[in-house]
Amino acid sequence: MWSTPVFETLPEAISFYLDDCLARGMSPNTITIKRQSLTRFVNWCATNGITKPQDVNLEVMEGFRQYLHHYKKILDGKPLSINSQHKFLTDLKLFLRRLHRRRIIQNADFEEFEMPRYKRRLPKAVLSHEEVERIFFIASLRGDRVAIRDRAILELYYASAIRRSELVRLRLGDIELDKQILTVEGKGEKDRRLPIATRACEWVKAYLDSVRPHFKGVDSGDVLFLSTNGEPMDPDQAGRMVGKYVRRAGIDKPGACHLFRHAAATAMLDAGADIRHVQEMLGHADISTTQIYTFVAIKQLEKVYNRTHPSAQ
């Protein structure tokens, strides 16, 4: 039986909570986001004379909601999106729920707090297969080692629909070129195994044979994709690289790495893939997230419409 910790200040309780989240297997990226979110709440509390975790109740949460609703971002003066507000309030509610579970706070009226409605948004832009091929072509024009690495990354993005954070975590042993299988460590350390197209495997093999040995350094370890200085690529670096080729291809669509993820999911659904297979491919915990792509993948609906709707006959 664990003992009940006692905390006099909100920052102390938050430090305990974040350590607790780490101990329960949450990723460092998730912890960073939670810390940023809860720090905003603590700062707001400090200006309102709220210092102890025991002081947080339903009325305080409603006050924080109003603050988020009226908040204007420093960079552009625009309000927070309803989805951003939802994320801040969700992190706060989960924090309070864990404190109550550990008996650090007794009051549980936070469970009565009504969350704002979360808006599921469609991808703003989806690449066509022709646009994807144009980006691949642009990436190959340089013809040097960097071009081979970049083409391998782009091919793997499109073939596997993985996230950029997943790509930079790939290890040499995660890709089985002979079997054309990729093992991906997804969100929450949930692994999944994905089939990989032949062409993507060929480009990755070319990178492994003729590029990585030249980039490899003392800090490379067994990371699959390396920077030219031998260090593992980071998510921002991967994003800038992909965005550069998208713009050079003359494609005016917002985004970078996620464009390939959206394109792969939409193309598979358009071709008749079962949504649960696409869910597994994308690593979505909730199928409702995958269902967003069914509104973008319209070809199957067009076929049914043209076959069945009287106006289309």
Protein backbone atom coordinates (compact mmCIF):
# COMPACT_ATOMS: atom_id res chain seq x y z
CA MET A 1 0.00 0.00 0.00
CA TRP A 2 1.49 3.33 -1.03
CA SER A 3 1.63 6.34 1.29
CA THR A 4 -0.19 9.54 0.41
CA PRO A 5 2.20 12.34 -0.59
CA VAL A 6 1.58 15.81 0.83
CA PHE A 7 2.27 18.86 -1.33
CA GLU A 8 1.97 22.49 -0.29
CA THR A 9 2.23 24.00 -3.76
CA LEU A 10 0.89 23.30 -7.24
CA PRO A 11 4.39 23.11 -8.82
CA GLU A 12 5.33 20.37 -6.31
CA ALA A 13 2.19 18.42 -7.20
CA ILE A 14 2.87 18.82 -10.91
CA SER A 15 6.46 17.56 -10.55
CA PHE A 16 5.12 14.51 -8.72
CA TYR A 17 2.47 13.95 -11.40
CA LEU A 18 4.95 14.16 -14.29
CA ASP A 19 7.32 11.72 -12.57
CA ASP A 20 4.34 9.46 -12.02
CA CYS A 21 3.46 9.68 -15.73
CA LEU A 22 7.01 8.68 -16.66
CA ALA A 23 6.85 5.74 -14.26
CA ARG A 24 3.63 4.61 -15.95
CA GLY A 25 5.38 4.46 -19.33
CA MET A 26 4.42 7.73 -21.00
CA SER A 27 6.88 9.03 -23.57
CA PRO A 28 9.20 12.00 -22.89
CA ASN A 29 7.43 13.94 -25.65
CA THR A 30 4.09 13.46 -23.90
CA ILE A 31 5.62 14.59 -20.60
CA THR A 32 7.02 17.73 -22.25
CA ILE A 33 3.62 18.66 -23.65
CA LYS A 34 1.92 18.02 -20.30
CA ARG A 35 4.50 20.16 -18.50
CA GLN A 36 3.96 23.07 -20.90
CA SER A 37 0.20 22.77 -20.56
CA LEU A 38 0.17 22.58 -16.76
CA THR A 39 2.71 25.41 -16.45
CA ARG A 40 0.23 27.67 -18.20
CA PHE A 41 -2.37 26.69 -15.59
CA VAL A 42 0.04 27.27 -12.69
CA ASN A 43 0.96 30.72 -14.01
CA TRP A 44 -2.72 31.64 -14.29
CA CYS A 45 -3.35 30.34 -10.76
CA ALA A 46 -0.48 32.42 -9.37
CA THR A 47 -2.07 35.62 -10.69
CA ASN A 48 -5.32 34.65 -9.00
CA GLY A 49 -3.92 33.71 -5.58
CA ILE A 50 -4.36 29.94 -6.06
CA THR A 51 -1.28 28.17 -4.76
CA LYS A 52 -2.26 24.73 -3.40
CA PRO A 53 -3.58 21.69 -5.28
CA GLN A 54 -6.36 21.47 -2.69
CA ASP A 55 -7.57 24.93 -3.81
CA VAL A 56 -8.42 23.72 -7.32
CA ASN A 57 -12.13 23.06 -7.70
CA LEU A 58 -14.86 23.30 -10.31
CA GLU A 59 -15.05 27.08 -9.97
CA VAL A 60 -11.31 27.40 -10.58
CA MET A 61 -11.55 25.21 -13.67
CA GLU A 62 -14.37 27.38 -15.04
CA GLY A 63 -12.20 30.45 -14.44
CA PHE A 64 -9.31 28.86 -16.33
CA ARG A 65 -11.69 27.99 -19.16
CA GLN A 66 -12.69 31.65 -19.44
CA TYR A 67 -9.03 32.68 -19.44
CA LEU A 68 -8.27 30.29 -22.31
CA HIS A 69 -11.34 31.48 -24.21
CA HIS A 70 -10.24 35.14 -24.07
CA TYR A 71 -6.50 34.51 -24.44
CA LYS A 72 -4.78 36.05 -27.48
CA LYS A 73 -1.56 34.53 -28.82
CA ILE A 74 1.48 36.78 -28.58
CA LEU A 75 2.77 36.13 -32.11
CA ASP A 76 -0.36 36.97 -34.12
CA GLY A 77 -2.94 38.18 -31.60
CA LYS A 78 -5.35 35.39 -32.58
CA PRO A 79 -7.39 33.43 -30.02
CA LEU A 80 -6.62 29.84 -29.12
CA SER A 81 -8.45 27.30 -31.25
CA ILE A 82 -11.18 25.33 -29.53
CA ASN A 83 -9.00 22.22 -29.96
CA SER A 84 -6.09 23.91 -28.17
CA GLN A 85 -8.41 24.91 -25.34
CA HIS A 86 -9.66 21.33 -25.19
CA LYS A 87 -6.07 20.03 -24.90
CA PHE A 88 -5.17 22.39 -22.02
CA LEU A 89 -8.32 21.49 -20.12
CA THR A 90 -7.88 17.77 -20.76
CA ASP A 91 -4.35 17.87 -19.35
CA LEU A 92 -5.65 19.71 -16.29
CA LYS A 93 -8.47 17.23 -15.74
CA LEU A 94 -6.14 14.23 -16.04
CA PHE A 95 -3.76 15.87 -13.58
CA LEU A 96 -6.53 16.38 -11.01
CA ARG A 97 -7.88 12.88 -11.58
CA ARG A 98 -4.48 11.39 -10.79
CA LEU A 99 -4.10 13.53 -7.66
CA HIS A 100 -7.51 12.34 -6.48
CA ARG A 101 -6.60 8.75 -7.26
CA ARG A 102 -3.50 9.12 -5.06
CA ARG A 103 -5.61 10.85 -2.36
CA ILE A 104 -3.57 14.03 -2.61
CA ILE A 105 -6.81 15.94 -3.09
CA GLN A 106 -10.20 14.90 -1.72
CA ASN A 107 -12.54 17.01 -3.83
CA ALA A 108 -13.61 15.31 -7.07
CA ASP A 109 -16.01 17.93 -8.44
CA PHE A 110 -13.63 18.38 -11.39
CA GLU A 111 -15.31 15.30 -12.88
CA GLU A 112 -18.43 17.43 -13.36
CA PHE A 113 -16.50 19.87 -15.56
CA GLU A 114 -17.91 19.92 -19.11
CA MET A 115 -15.22 19.90 -21.76
CA PRO A 116 -15.54 22.11 -24.86
CA ARG A 117 -16.55 20.27 -28.00
CA TYR A 118 -13.51 18.95 -29.84
CA LYS A 119 -13.58 19.62 -33.57
CA ARG A 120 -12.31 16.92 -35.88
CA ARG A 121 -10.76 18.73 -38.83
CA LEU A 122 -10.13 17.28 -42.27
CA PRO A 123 -6.56 17.39 -43.58
CA LYS A 124 -6.17 20.80 -45.22
CA ALA A 125 -4.36 19.39 -48.22
CA VAL A 126 -3.78 15.94 -49.68
CA LEU A 127 -1.09 15.17 -52.22
CA SER A 128 -2.10 13.34 -55.37
CA HIS A 129 0.04 10.42 -56.47
CA GLU A 130 1.33 12.56 -59.34
CA GLU A 131 2.45 15.24 -56.88
CA VAL A 132 4.19 12.64 -54.74
CA GLU A 133 6.10 11.41 -57.77
CA ARG A 134 7.08 14.98 -58.64
CA ILE A 135 8.54 15.45 -55.17
CA PHE A 136 10.47 12.20 -55.50
CA PHE A 137 11.88 13.39 -58.83
CA ILE A 138 12.99 16.74 -57.40
CA ALA A 139 14.70 14.96 -54.49
CA SER A 140 16.77 12.87 -56.91
CA LEU A 141 18.02 15.72 -59.10
CA ARG A 142 21.14 16.43 -57.02
CA GLY A 143 22.43 12.93 -57.54
CA ASP A 144 24.72 12.97 -54.52
CA ARG A 145 24.70 11.11 -51.19
CA VAL A 146 22.34 13.56 -49.52
CA ALA A 147 19.90 13.10 -52.40
CA ILE A 148 19.96 9.31 -51.98
CA ARG A 149 19.30 9.62 -48.24
CA ASP A 150 16.50 12.14 -48.76
CA ARG A 151 14.85 10.06 -51.49
CA ALA A 152 14.99 6.99 -49.22
CA ILE A 153 13.29 8.97 -46.43
CA LEU A 154 10.57 10.32 -48.73
CA GLU A 155 9.91 6.87 -50.19
CA LEU A 156 9.67 5.38 -46.70
CA TYR A 157 7.30 8.12 -45.52
CA TYR A 158 4.90 7.45 -48.38
CA ALA A 159 5.23 3.66 -48.30
CA SER A 160 4.64 3.33 -44.56
CA ALA A 161 2.64 6.49 -43.62
CA ILE A 162 4.69 6.81 -40.42
CA ARG A 163 5.03 9.97 -38.37
CA ARG A 164 8.24 11.99 -38.51
CA SER A 165 8.88 11.25 -34.82
CA GLU A 166 8.64 7.55 -35.66
CA LEU A 167 10.96 7.85 -38.63
CA VAL A 168 13.81 9.46 -36.69
CA ARG A 169 13.55 6.73 -34.03
CA LEU A 170 14.03 3.91 -36.55
CA ARG A 171 16.97 1.60 -35.92
CA LEU A 172 18.91 -0.53 -38.36
CA GLY A 173 17.19 -3.66 -37.09
CA ASP A 174 13.71 -2.20 -37.57
CA ILE A 175 13.68 -2.67 -41.33
CA GLU A 176 13.83 -6.16 -42.83
CA LEU A 177 14.61 -5.53 -46.48
CA ASP A 178 14.40 -9.18 -47.51
CA LYS A 179 10.89 -9.52 -46.04
CA GLN A 180 9.89 -5.89 -46.81
CA ILE A 181 8.71 -5.38 -43.23
CA LEU A 182 9.16 -2.32 -41.03
CA THR A 183 8.79 -2.36 -37.24
CA VAL A 184 7.70 1.02 -35.89
CA GLU A 185 7.73 2.24 -32.30
CA GLY A 186 4.57 4.33 -32.21
CA LYS A 187 2.98 6.62 -29.67
CA GLY A 188 2.92 5.21 -26.16
CA GLU A 189 5.68 2.78 -27.14
CA LYS A 190 3.16 0.68 -29.06
CA ASP A 191 5.03 -1.22 -31.75
CA ARG A 192 3.47 -2.16 -35.06
CA ARG A 193 4.78 -4.10 -38.07
CA LEU A 194 4.10 -2.71 -41.52
CA PRO A 195 4.61 -3.98 -45.07
CA ILE A 196 6.87 -1.77 -47.18
CA ALA A 197 6.75 -1.31 -50.96
CA THR A 198 9.56 -2.76 -53.05
CA ARG A 199 10.73 0.61 -54.40
CA ALA A 200 11.04 2.08 -50.90
CA CYS A 201 13.15 -0.91 -49.84
CA GLU A 202 15.40 -0.44 -52.86
CA TRP A 203 16.07 3.20 -51.98
CA VAL A 204 16.71 2.36 -48.33
CA LYS A 205 19.15 -0.36 -49.44
CA ALA A 206 20.94 2.14 -51.69
CA TYR A 207 21.23 4.50 -48.74
CA LEU A 208 22.54 1.76 -46.43
CA ASP A 209 25.06 0.53 -48.99
CA SER A 210 26.46 3.77 -50.39
CA VAL A 211 25.57 6.62 -48.04
CA ARG A 212 25.27 5.69 -44.36
CA PRO A 213 28.83 4.29 -44.12
CA HIS A 214 30.14 7.73 -45.20
CA PHE A 215 27.89 9.64 -42.77
CA LYS A 216 28.52 7.33 -39.82
CA GLY A 217 30.33 8.80 -36.81
CA VAL A 218 31.02 8.15 -33.13
CA ASP A 219 27.53 9.34 -32.14
CA SER A 220 25.60 7.44 -34.84
CA GLY A 221 24.78 4.31 -32.88
CA ASP A 222 22.34 2.08 -34.74
CA VAL A 223 19.99 4.88 -35.82
CA LEU A 224 18.83 4.29 -39.40
CA PHE A 225 18.83 7.82 -40.83
CA LEU A 226 21.79 10.08 -40.12
CA SER A 227 22.67 13.71 -40.71
CA THR A 228 25.77 14.47 -42.76
CA ASN A 229 27.70 15.00 -39.51
CA GLY A 230 26.89 11.47 -38.37
CA GLU A 231 24.34 12.44 -35.72
CA PRO A 232 20.79 11.04 -35.72
CA MET A 233 18.29 13.21 -37.54
CA ASP A 234 15.78 15.01 -35.33
CA PRO A 235 12.07 15.56 -36.16
CA ASP A 236 12.51 19.26 -37.02
CA GLN A 237 15.38 18.51 -39.36
CA ALA A 238 13.31 15.84 -41.11
CA GLY A 239 10.39 18.27 -41.41
CA ARG A 240 12.53 21.02 -42.94
CA MET A 241 14.02 18.59 -45.43
CA VAL A 242 10.64 17.31 -46.62
CA GLY A 243 9.16 20.81 -46.75
CA LYS A 244 12.06 21.97 -48.93
CA TYR A 245 11.32 19.35 -51.59
CA VAL A 246 7.58 20.00 -51.48
CA ARG A 247 8.15 23.70 -52.21
CA ARG A 248 10.79 22.99 -54.89
CA ALA A 249 8.27 20.76 -56.62
CA GLY A 250 6.00 23.79 -56.92
CA ILE A 251 3.35 22.37 -54.60
CA ASP A 252 1.58 25.05 -52.59
CA LYS A 253 0.06 22.90 -49.87
CA PRO A 254 0.69 23.45 -46.17
CA GLY A 255 2.65 20.84 -44.27
CA ALA A 256 5.60 18.57 -44.84
CA CYS A 257 5.99 15.03 -43.46
CA HIS A 258 2.28 14.68 -42.65
CA LEU A 259 1.44 15.36 -46.30
CA PHE A 260 2.78 11.91 -47.17
CA ARG A 261 0.89 10.33 -44.27
CA HIS A 262 -2.35 11.93 -45.43
CA ALA A 263 -1.67 10.96 -49.04
CA ALA A 264 -1.01 7.31 -48.20
CA ALA A 265 -4.12 6.96 -46.01
CA THR A 266 -6.38 8.65 -48.56
CA ALA A 267 -5.00 6.62 -51.47
CA MET A 268 -5.51 3.33 -49.62
CA LEU A 269 -9.12 4.17 -48.71
CA ASP A 270 -9.82 5.36 -52.26
CA ALA A 271 -8.59 1.99 -53.51
CA GLY A 272 -11.00 0.16 -51.21
CA ALA A 273 -8.83 -0.66 -48.18
CA ASP A 274 -10.68 -1.63 -45.02
CA ILE A 275 -10.60 1.27 -42.57
CA ARG A 276 -9.30 -0.97 -39.77
CA HIS A 277 -6.29 -1.91 -41.88
CA VAL A 278 -5.61 1.78 -42.47
CA GLN A 279 -6.01 2.38 -38.73
CA GLU A 280 -3.33 -0.24 -38.06
CA MET A 281 -1.09 1.28 -40.72
CA LEU A 282 -1.32 4.74 -39.20
CA GLY A 283 -1.03 3.55 -35.60
CA HIS A 284 -4.25 5.25 -34.47
CA ALA A 285 -5.50 4.10 -31.08
CA ASP A 286 -9.03 5.29 -31.88
CA ILE A 287 -10.66 4.45 -35.20
CA SER A 288 -12.55 7.76 -35.10
CA THR A 289 -9.22 9.45 -35.89
CA THR A 290 -8.82 7.29 -38.98
CA GLN A 291 -12.40 8.01 -40.05
CA ILE A 292 -11.40 11.58 -40.82
CA TYR A 293 -9.76 10.27 -43.98
CA THR A 294 -13.00 8.71 -45.19
CA PHE A 295 -14.31 12.24 -45.80
CA VAL A 296 -11.29 13.02 -47.97
CA ALA A 297 -11.17 9.70 -49.82
CA ILE A 298 -14.15 10.34 -52.04
CA LYS A 299 -13.54 8.03 -55.02
CA GLN A 300 -15.42 5.08 -53.51
CA LEU A 301 -18.33 7.35 -52.64
CA GLU A 302 -18.28 8.76 -56.19
CA LYS A 303 -18.54 5.25 -57.64
CA VAL A 304 -21.53 4.41 -55.45
CA TYR A 305 -23.11 7.80 -56.15
CA ASN A 306 -22.76 7.47 -59.93
CA ARG A 307 -24.16 3.94 -59.81
CA THR A 308 -27.11 4.60 -57.51
CA HIS A 309 -28.19 8.24 -57.35
CA PRO A 310 -31.02 9.10 -59.81
CA SER A 311 -29.46 12.43 -60.74
CA ALA A 312 -26.25 10.71 -61.79
CA GLN A 313 -27.95 8.22 -64.10
